[in-house]
C-alpha atoms as a PDB file:
ATOM      1  CA  UNK A   1      -0.148  -0.240   0.139  1.00  0.00           C
ATOM      2  CA  UNK A   2       3.016   2.771   0.125  1.00  0.00           C
ATOM      3  CA  UNK A   3       2.911   3.806   3.895  1.00  0.00           C
ATOM      4  CA  UNK A   4       6.273   4.995   4.139  1.00  0.00           C
ATOM      5  CA  UNK A   5       9.195   5.665   1.074  1.00  0.00           C
ATOM      6  CA  UNK A   6      12.800   6.682   1.914  1.00  0.00           C
ATOM      7  CA  UNK A   7      14.001   9.955  -0.336  1.00  0.00           C
ATOM      8  CA  UNK A   8      17.543  10.842   0.468  1.00  0.00           C
ATOM      9  CA  UNK A   9      18.962  11.995  -3.060  1.00  0.00           C
ATOM     10  CA  UNK A  10      18.583  15.801  -2.595  1.00  0.00           C
ATOM     11  CA  UNK A  11      16.207  18.731  -4.108  1.00  0.00           C
ATOM     12  CA  UNK A  12      18.794  19.436  -6.632  1.00  0.00           C
ATOM     13  CA  UNK A  13      19.460  15.381  -8.028  1.00  0.00           C
ATOM     14  CA  UNK A  14      15.072  15.582  -8.566  1.00  0.00           C
ATOM     15  CA  UNK A  15      15.516  18.171 -10.284  1.00  0.00           C
ATOM     16  CA  UNK A  16      18.319  17.290 -12.644  1.00  0.00           C
ATOM     17  CA  UNK A  17      16.780  13.328 -12.830  1.00  0.00           C
ATOM     18  CA  UNK A  18      14.072  14.819 -14.164  1.00  0.00           C
ATOM     19  CA  UNK A  19      14.426  17.595 -16.055  1.00  0.00           C
ATOM     20  CA  UNK A  20      11.811  19.932 -13.785  1.00  0.00           C
ATOM     21  CA  UNK A  21      12.668  23.334 -12.386  1.00  0.00           C
ATOM     22  CA  UNK A  22      12.781  23.726  -8.630  1.00  0.00           C
ATOM     23  CA  UNK A  23       9.620  25.872  -6.984  1.00  0.00           C
ATOM     24  CA  UNK A  24      11.121  29.429  -6.033  1.00  0.00           C
ATOM     25  CA  UNK A  25      10.793  30.292  -2.845  1.00  0.00           C
ATOM     26  CA  UNK A  26       9.634  26.638  -2.101  1.00  0.00           C
ATOM     27  CA  UNK A  27      11.392  25.413   1.670  1.00  0.00           C
ATOM     28  CA  UNK A  28      12.092  21.507   1.246  1.00  0.00           C
ATOM     29  CA  UNK A  29      12.504  18.376   4.089  1.00  0.00           C
ATOM     30  CA  UNK A  30      15.726  17.464   5.082  1.00  0.00           C
ATOM     31  CA  UNK A  31      16.358  13.822   2.884  1.00  0.00           C
ATOM     32  CA  UNK A  32      14.952  10.872   4.877  1.00  0.00           C
ATOM     33  CA  UNK A  33      14.755   7.462   4.172  1.00  0.00           C
ATOM     34  CA  UNK A  34      11.936   6.712   6.695  1.00  0.00           C
ATOM     35  CA  UNK A  35       9.127   9.083   5.198  1.00  0.00           C
ATOM     36  CA  UNK A  36       5.855   8.714   7.151  1.00  0.00           C
ATOM     37  CA  UNK A  37       2.312   9.691   6.307  1.00  0.00           C
ATOM     38  CA  UNK A  38       1.525  13.813   7.284  1.00  0.00           C
ATOM     39  CA  UNK A  39       5.126  14.682   6.767  1.00  0.00           C
ATOM     40  CA  UNK A  40       5.793  17.145   4.211  1.00  0.00           C
ATOM     41  CA  UNK A  41       7.489  15.550   1.053  1.00  0.00           C
ATOM     42  CA  UNK A  42       9.165  16.590  -2.343  1.00  0.00           C
ATOM     43  CA  UNK A  43       6.446  16.639  -5.436  1.00  0.00           C
ATOM     44  CA  UNK A  44       6.790  17.628  -8.962  1.00  0.00           C
ATOM     45  CA  UNK A  45       3.507  19.494  -9.402  1.00  0.00           C
ATOM     46  CA  UNK A  46       1.814  22.095 -11.580  1.00  0.00           C
ATOM     47  CA  UNK A  47       0.387  24.191  -8.408  1.00  0.00           C
ATOM     48  CA  UNK A  48       1.009  27.745 -10.513  1.00  0.00           C
ATOM     49  CA  UNK A  49       1.747  27.231 -13.985  1.00  0.00           C
ATOM     50  CA  UNK A  50       3.995  24.957 -15.187  1.00  0.00           C
ATOM     51  CA  UNK A  51       5.089  21.414 -12.829  1.00  0.00           C
ATOM     52  CA  UNK A  52       7.604  22.061 -11.012  1.00  0.00           C
ATOM     53  CA  UNK A  53       9.886  20.658  -8.116  1.00  0.00           C
ATOM     54  CA  UNK A  54       8.140  21.499  -4.864  1.00  0.00           C
ATOM     55  CA  UNK A  55       6.603  20.529  -1.352  1.00  0.00           C
ATOM     56  CA  UNK A  56       3.194  18.718  -0.255  1.00  0.00           C
ATOM     57  CA  UNK A  57       2.099  18.102   2.764  1.00  0.00           C
ATOM     58  CA  UNK A  58       1.648  13.658   2.292  1.00  0.00           C
ATOM     59  CA  UNK A  59      -1.751  13.696   3.669  1.00  0.00           C
ATOM     60  CA  UNK A  60      -5.413  14.174   1.606  1.00  0.00           C
ATOM     61  CA  UNK A  61      -8.790  15.642   3.355  1.00  0.00           C
ATOM     62  CA  UNK A  62     -10.082  17.822   0.002  1.00  0.00           C
ATOM     63  CA  UNK A  63     -10.851  21.222   2.065  1.00  0.00           C
ATOM     64  CA  UNK A  64     -15.307  21.336   0.956  1.00  0.00           C
ATOM     65  CA  UNK A  65     -15.062  17.055   3.085  1.00  0.00           C
ATOM     66  CA  UNK A  66     -16.219  17.338   5.565  1.00  0.00           C
ATOM     67  CA  UNK A  67     -14.313  17.519   9.000  1.00  0.00           C
ATOM     68  CA  UNK A  68     -15.683  13.427   9.924  1.00  0.00           C
ATOM     69  CA  UNK A  69     -14.665  12.971   6.465  1.00  0.00           C
ATOM     70  CA  UNK A  70     -11.157  10.159   6.019  1.00  0.00           C
ATOM     71  CA  UNK A  71      -8.138  11.445   5.852  1.00  0.00           C
ATOM     72  CA  UNK A  72      -5.486   9.352   3.966  1.00  0.00           C
ATOM     73  CA  UNK A  73      -1.982   8.893   2.496  1.00  0.00           C
ATOM     74  CA  UNK A  74      -3.642   6.861  -0.611  1.00  0.00           C
ATOM     75  CA  UNK A  75      -5.719   6.547  -3.457  1.00  0.00           C
ATOM     76  CA  UNK A  76      -7.096   3.592  -5.382  1.00  0.00           C
ATOM     77  CA  UNK A  77      -6.349   4.162  -9.027  1.00  0.00           C
ATOM     78  CA  UNK A  78      -9.533   2.474  -9.443  1.00  0.00           C
ATOM     79  CA  UNK A  79     -11.477   5.056  -7.902  1.00  0.00           C
ATOM     80  CA  UNK A  80      -9.788   8.286  -8.723  1.00  0.00           C
ATOM     81  CA  UNK A  81     -12.131   8.980 -11.821  1.00  0.00           C
ATOM     82  CA  UNK A  82     -15.657   7.808 -10.084  1.00  0.00           C
ATOM     83  CA  UNK A  83     -15.580   8.645  -6.555  1.00  0.00           C
ATOM     84  CA  UNK A  84     -16.408  12.855  -5.455  1.00  0.00           C
ATOM     85  CA  UNK A  85     -13.619  12.529  -2.741  1.00  0.00           C
ATOM     86  CA  UNK A  86     -10.908  11.783  -5.939  1.00  0.00           C
ATOM     87  CA  UNK A  87     -12.081  13.518  -8.637  1.00  0.00           C
ATOM     88  CA  UNK A  88     -11.245  16.758  -8.406  1.00  0.00           C
ATOM     89  CA  UNK A  89      -7.749  16.110  -7.766  1.00  0.00           C
ATOM     90  CA  UNK A  90      -7.786  13.322 -10.584  1.00  0.00           C
ATOM     91  CA  UNK A  91      -9.166  15.957 -13.252  1.00  0.00           C
ATOM     92  CA  UNK A  92      -6.872  18.558 -12.132  1.00  0.00           C
ATOM     93  CA  UNK A  93      -4.594  18.582  -9.711  1.00  0.00           C
ATOM     94  CA  UNK A  94      -2.085  15.349 -10.617  1.00  0.00           C
ATOM     95  CA  UNK A  95       1.378  15.319  -9.118  1.00  0.00           C
ATOM     96  CA  UNK A  96       4.608  12.863  -9.014  1.00  0.00           C
ATOM     97  CA  UNK A  97       6.596  11.917  -5.699  1.00  0.00           C
ATOM     98  CA  UNK A  98       9.812  11.122  -6.667  1.00  0.00           C
ATOM     99  CA  UNK A  99      11.426   8.190  -4.130  1.00  0.00           C
ATOM    100  CA  UNK A 100      14.186   6.088  -3.627  1.00  0.00           C
ATOM    101  CA  UNK A 101      12.319   3.315  -2.183  1.00  0.00           C
ATOM    102  CA  UNK A 102       9.501   2.429  -0.278  1.00  0.00           C
ATOM    103  CA  UNK A 103       8.618   0.140   2.494  1.00  0.00           C
ATOM    104  CA  UNK A 104       5.988  -2.958   2.445  1.00  0.00           C
ATOM    105  CA  UNK A 105       4.475  -4.451   5.480  1.00  0.00           C
ATOM    106  CA  UNK A 106       3.638  -8.913   5.167  1.00  0.00           C
ATOM    107  CA  UNK A 107       1.473 -10.199   7.462  1.00  0.00           C
ATOM    108  CA  UNK A 108       3.046 -13.249   9.170  1.00  0.00           C
ATOM    109  CA  UNK A 109       0.584 -14.611  11.874  1.00  0.00           C
ATOM    110  CA  UNK A 110       0.850 -11.680  14.650  1.00  0.00           C
ATOM    111  CA  UNK A 111       4.425 -10.273  12.863  1.00  0.00           C
ATOM    112  CA  UNK A 112       4.526  -7.901  10.022  1.00  0.00           C
ATOM    113  CA  UNK A 113       7.797  -8.079   8.174  1.00  0.00           C
ATOM    114  CA  UNK A 114       8.930  -4.582   6.406  1.00  0.00           C
ATOM    115  CA  UNK A 115      10.209  -4.942   2.946  1.00  0.00           C
ATOM    116  CA  UNK A 116      12.463  -2.492   0.445  1.00  0.00           C
ATOM    117  CA  UNK A 117      11.189  -1.738  -3.066  1.00  0.00           C
ATOM    118  CA  UNK A 118      13.345   0.059  -5.409  1.00  0.00           C
ATOM    119  CA  UNK A 119      13.944  -0.069  -9.031  1.00  0.00           C
ATOM    120  CA  UNK A 120      16.441  -2.544 -10.085  1.00  0.00           C
ATOM    121  CA  UNK A 121      18.965   0.916 -11.830  1.00  0.00           C
ATOM    122  CA  UNK A 122      18.988   1.983  -8.087  1.00  0.00           C
ATOM    123  CA  UNK A 123      17.915   4.839  -9.403  1.00  0.00           C
ATOM    124  CA  UNK A 124      15.444   7.714  -8.737  1.00  0.00           C
ATOM    125  CA  UNK A 125      11.443   6.404  -8.890  1.00  0.00           C
ATOM    126  CA  UNK A 126       8.389   8.904  -9.626  1.00  0.00           C
ATOM    127  CA  UNK A 127       5.017   7.669  -7.882  1.00  0.00           C
ATOM    128  CA  UNK A 128       1.839   8.790  -9.402  1.00  0.00           C
ATOM    129  CA  UNK A 129       0.021  11.120  -6.909  1.00  0.00           C
ATOM    130  CA  UNK A 130      -3.168  13.155  -6.775  1.00  0.00           C
ATOM    131  CA  UNK A 131      -2.788  17.032  -4.148  1.00  0.00           C
ATOM    132  CA  UNK A 132      -5.838  19.059  -2.942  1.00  0.00           C
ATOM    133  CA  UNK A 133      -5.786  22.080  -1.098  1.00  0.00           C
ATOM    134  CA  UNK A 134      -6.716  21.334   2.494  1.00  0.00           C
ATOM    135  CA  UNK A 135      -9.337  23.575   5.256  1.00  0.00           C
ATOM    136  CA  UNK A 136      -5.621  25.327   6.719  1.00  0.00           C
ATOM    137  CA  UNK A 137      -4.707  26.261   3.000  1.00  0.00           C
ATOM    138  CA  UNK A 138      -1.684  23.567   2.729  1.00  0.00           C
ATOM    139  CA  UNK A 139      -1.551  21.629  -0.581  1.00  0.00           C
ATOM    140  CA  UNK A 140      -1.706  18.047   0.785  1.00  0.00           C
ATOM    141  CA  UNK A 141      -1.463  14.985  -1.660  1.00  0.00           C
ATOM    142  CA  UNK A 142      -1.844  11.386  -1.708  1.00  0.00           C
ATOM    143  CA  UNK A 143       0.022   8.792  -4.050  1.00  0.00           C
ATOM    144  CA  UNK A 144      -2.071   6.443  -6.140  1.00  0.00           C
ATOM    145  CA  UNK A 145      -2.151   2.700  -5.754  1.00  0.00           C
ATOM    146  CA  UNK A 146      -3.165  -0.713  -7.780  1.00  0.00           C
ATOM    147  CA  UNK A 147      -3.456  -4.195  -6.962  1.00  0.00           C
ATOM    148  CA  UNK A 148       0.373  -5.692  -6.303  1.00  0.00           C
ATOM    149  CA  UNK A 149       1.767  -6.660  -9.521  1.00  0.00           C
ATOM    150  CA  UNK A 150       4.736  -9.661  -9.599  1.00  0.00           C
ATOM    151  CA  UNK A 151       6.538 -10.278  -6.876  1.00  0.00           C
ATOM    152  CA  UNK A 152       4.908  -7.825  -4.700  1.00  0.00           C
ATOM    153  CA  UNK A 153       1.998  -9.620  -4.846  1.00  0.00           C
ATOM    154  CA  UNK A 154       3.658 -11.915  -2.321  1.00  0.00           C
ATOM    155  CA  UNK A 155       4.120  -9.081   0.289  1.00  0.00           C
ATOM    156  CA  UNK A 156       1.289  -7.238   0.249  1.00  0.00           C
ATOM    157  CA  UNK A 157      -2.310  -6.936  -2.249  1.00  0.00           C
ATOM    158  CA  UNK A 158      -1.520  -3.558  -3.323  1.00  0.00           C
ATOM    159  CA  UNK A 159       1.170  -1.336  -4.305  1.00  0.00           C
ATOM    160  CA  UNK A 160       2.099   2.391  -5.625  1.00  0.00           C
ATOM    161  CA  UNK A 161       1.752   2.976  -9.583  1.00  0.00           C
ATOM    162  CA  UNK A 162       5.112   3.260 -10.549  1.00  0.00           C
ATOM    163  CA  UNK A 163       5.070   5.832 -13.873  1.00  0.00           C
ATOM    164  CA  UNK A 164       7.863   4.924 -16.665  1.00  0.00           C
ATOM    165  CA  UNK A 165       6.402   7.456 -19.246  1.00  0.00           C
ATOM    166  CA  UNK A 166       3.960   9.846 -19.796  1.00  0.00           C
ATOM    167  CA  UNK A 167       4.951  11.818 -16.923  1.00  0.00           C
ATOM    168  CA  UNK A 168       3.837  15.496 -18.956  1.00  0.00           C
ATOM    169  CA  UNK A 169       0.867  14.702 -19.153  1.00  0.00           C
ATOM    170  CA  UNK A 170      -0.148  13.240 -15.834  1.00  0.00           C
ATOM    171  CA  UNK A 171       1.017  16.558 -14.661  1.00  0.00           C
ATOM    172  CA  UNK A 172      -0.419  18.139 -17.223  1.00  0.00           C
ATOM    173  CA  UNK A 173      -3.826  19.732 -15.665  1.00  0.00           C
ATOM    174  CA  UNK A 174      -5.206  20.365 -19.285  1.00  0.00           C
ATOM    175  CA  UNK A 175      -5.216  16.333 -19.932  1.00  0.00           C
ATOM    176  CA  UNK A 176      -8.733  15.526 -18.255  1.00  0.00           C
ATOM    177  CA  UNK A 177      -9.549  12.149 -20.435  1.00  0.00           C
ATOM    178  CA  UNK A 178      -8.755   9.650 -18.088  1.00  0.00           C
ATOM    179  CA  UNK A 179      -8.032   7.039 -22.016  1.00  0.00           C
ATOM    180  CA  UNK A 180      -6.034  10.224 -22.981  1.00  0.00           C
ATOM    181  CA  UNK A 181      -4.589   9.469 -19.168  1.00  0.00           C
ATOM    182  CA  UNK A 182      -4.421   6.228 -19.861  1.00  0.00           C
ATOM    183  CA  UNK A 183      -2.959   5.749 -23.355  1.00  0.00           C
ATOM    184  CA  UNK A 184       0.066   7.723 -21.927  1.00  0.00           C
ATOM    185  CA  UNK A 185       0.868   6.638 -18.395  1.00  0.00           C
ATOM    186  CA  UNK A 186       3.009   3.504 -18.726  1.00  0.00           C
ATOM    187  CA  UNK A 187       3.586   1.811 -15.102  1.00  0.00           C
ATOM    188  CA  UNK A 188       6.891   0.039 -14.761  1.00  0.00           C
ATOM    189  CA  UNK A 189       7.103  -3.309 -15.417  1.00  0.00           C
ATOM    190  CA  UNK A 190       7.074  -5.532 -12.390  1.00  0.00           C
ATOM    191  CA  UNK A 191      10.716  -6.728 -13.290  1.00  0.00           C
ATOM    192  CA  UNK A 192      11.823  -3.784 -13.093  1.00  0.00           C
ATOM    193  CA  UNK A 193      11.597  -3.864  -9.357  1.00  0.00           C
ATOM    194  CA  UNK A 194      13.511  -5.513  -6.402  1.00  0.00           C
ATOM    195  CA  UNK A 195      12.525  -6.181  -3.142  1.00  0.00           C
ATOM    196  CA  UNK A 196      13.966  -7.428   0.002  1.00  0.00           C
ATOM    197  CA  UNK A 197      13.153  -7.771   3.682  1.00  0.00           C
ATOM    198  CA  UNK A 198      14.770  -4.814   6.300  1.00  0.00           C
ATOM    199  CA  UNK A 199      14.909  -4.494  10.151  1.00  0.00           C
ATOM    200  CA  UNK A 200      11.736  -4.406  11.916  1.00  0.00           C
ATOM    201  CA  UNK A 201      13.603  -0.919  12.863  1.00  0.00           C
ATOM    202  CA  UNK A 202      11.648   0.848  10.151  1.00  0.00           C
ATOM    203  CA  UNK A 203       8.319   0.175  11.535  1.00  0.00           C
ATOM    204  CA  UNK A 204       9.232   3.162  13.902  1.00  0.00           C
ATOM    205  CA  UNK A 205       7.765   5.802  12.180  1.00  0.00           C
ATOM    206  CA  UNK A 206      10.587   8.246  14.088  1.00  0.00           C
ATOM    207  CA  UNK A 207      14.149   5.401  12.878  1.00  0.00           C
ATOM    208  CA  UNK A 208      15.908   7.072  10.307  1.00  0.00           C
ATOM    209  CA  UNK A 209      19.373   6.301   8.261  1.00  0.00           C
ATOM    210  CA  UNK A 210      20.803   4.089   6.117  1.00  0.00           C
ATOM    211  CA  UNK A 211      21.018   1.463   7.891  1.00  0.00           C
ATOM    212  CA  UNK A 212      17.236   1.131   7.486  1.00  0.00           C
ATOM    213  CA  UNK A 213      17.586  -0.541   4.165  1.00  0.00           C
ATOM    214  CA  UNK A 214      20.092  -3.208   4.698  1.00  0.00           C
ATOM    215  CA  UNK A 215      19.305  -6.527   3.735  1.00  0.00           C
ATOM    216  CA  UNK A 216      18.328  -8.907   6.393  1.00  0.00           C
ATOM    217  CA  UNK A 217      18.026 -11.618   4.672  1.00  0.00           C
ATOM    218  CA  UNK A 218      18.240 -15.115   6.019  1.00  0.00           C
ATOM    219  CA  UNK A 219      18.279 -12.882   9.669  1.00  0.00           C
ATOM    220  CA  UNK A 220      16.042 -14.105  12.364  1.00  0.00           C
ATOM    221  CA  UNK A 221      14.817 -11.162  14.374  1.00  0.00           C
END
């Protein structure tokens, strides 16, 4: 489902990797190996004109929604075009979330075992997202998920949509037709992802450091 992710490359590396400008005056969060829902995150979005590297908050609740409406950090791809909660953001406010990789948890009885997913090339990857203006005036976003593909299915039933091609169309607020988006947006093939078990230290949202990405294959904790 994507409950945490790592972004340890800095904003300049993000901008250079994907050829988008950095938003003027934006304040960016520090790099992190354990970004959690509710945190400010680096994102690529057309919040005021052309797409640029900017900051959003990783939480989503439209300002028009009642106070008891759900506040979430993920959006099901299947519901984006039909649910009122998501439809406005899907139509006009799509974004991309650059990450080095993300964490997912596999349920083994009463135990949840964390795994780390990243691109086979070990480069930055882009996750599809949507954003909205919230009641507090901040821009919040959710990462789009889909049914798990390939090796990810053995760990969790869902996974984020990893964008391999069509990023410009996804970011273009003038493109509002679902069929056009589907034509251009190409998810990364599942065989181009790798995953491996990591320490349960990542279960603590306050945990930090490169050690969280170390493989614990064959190690009983």
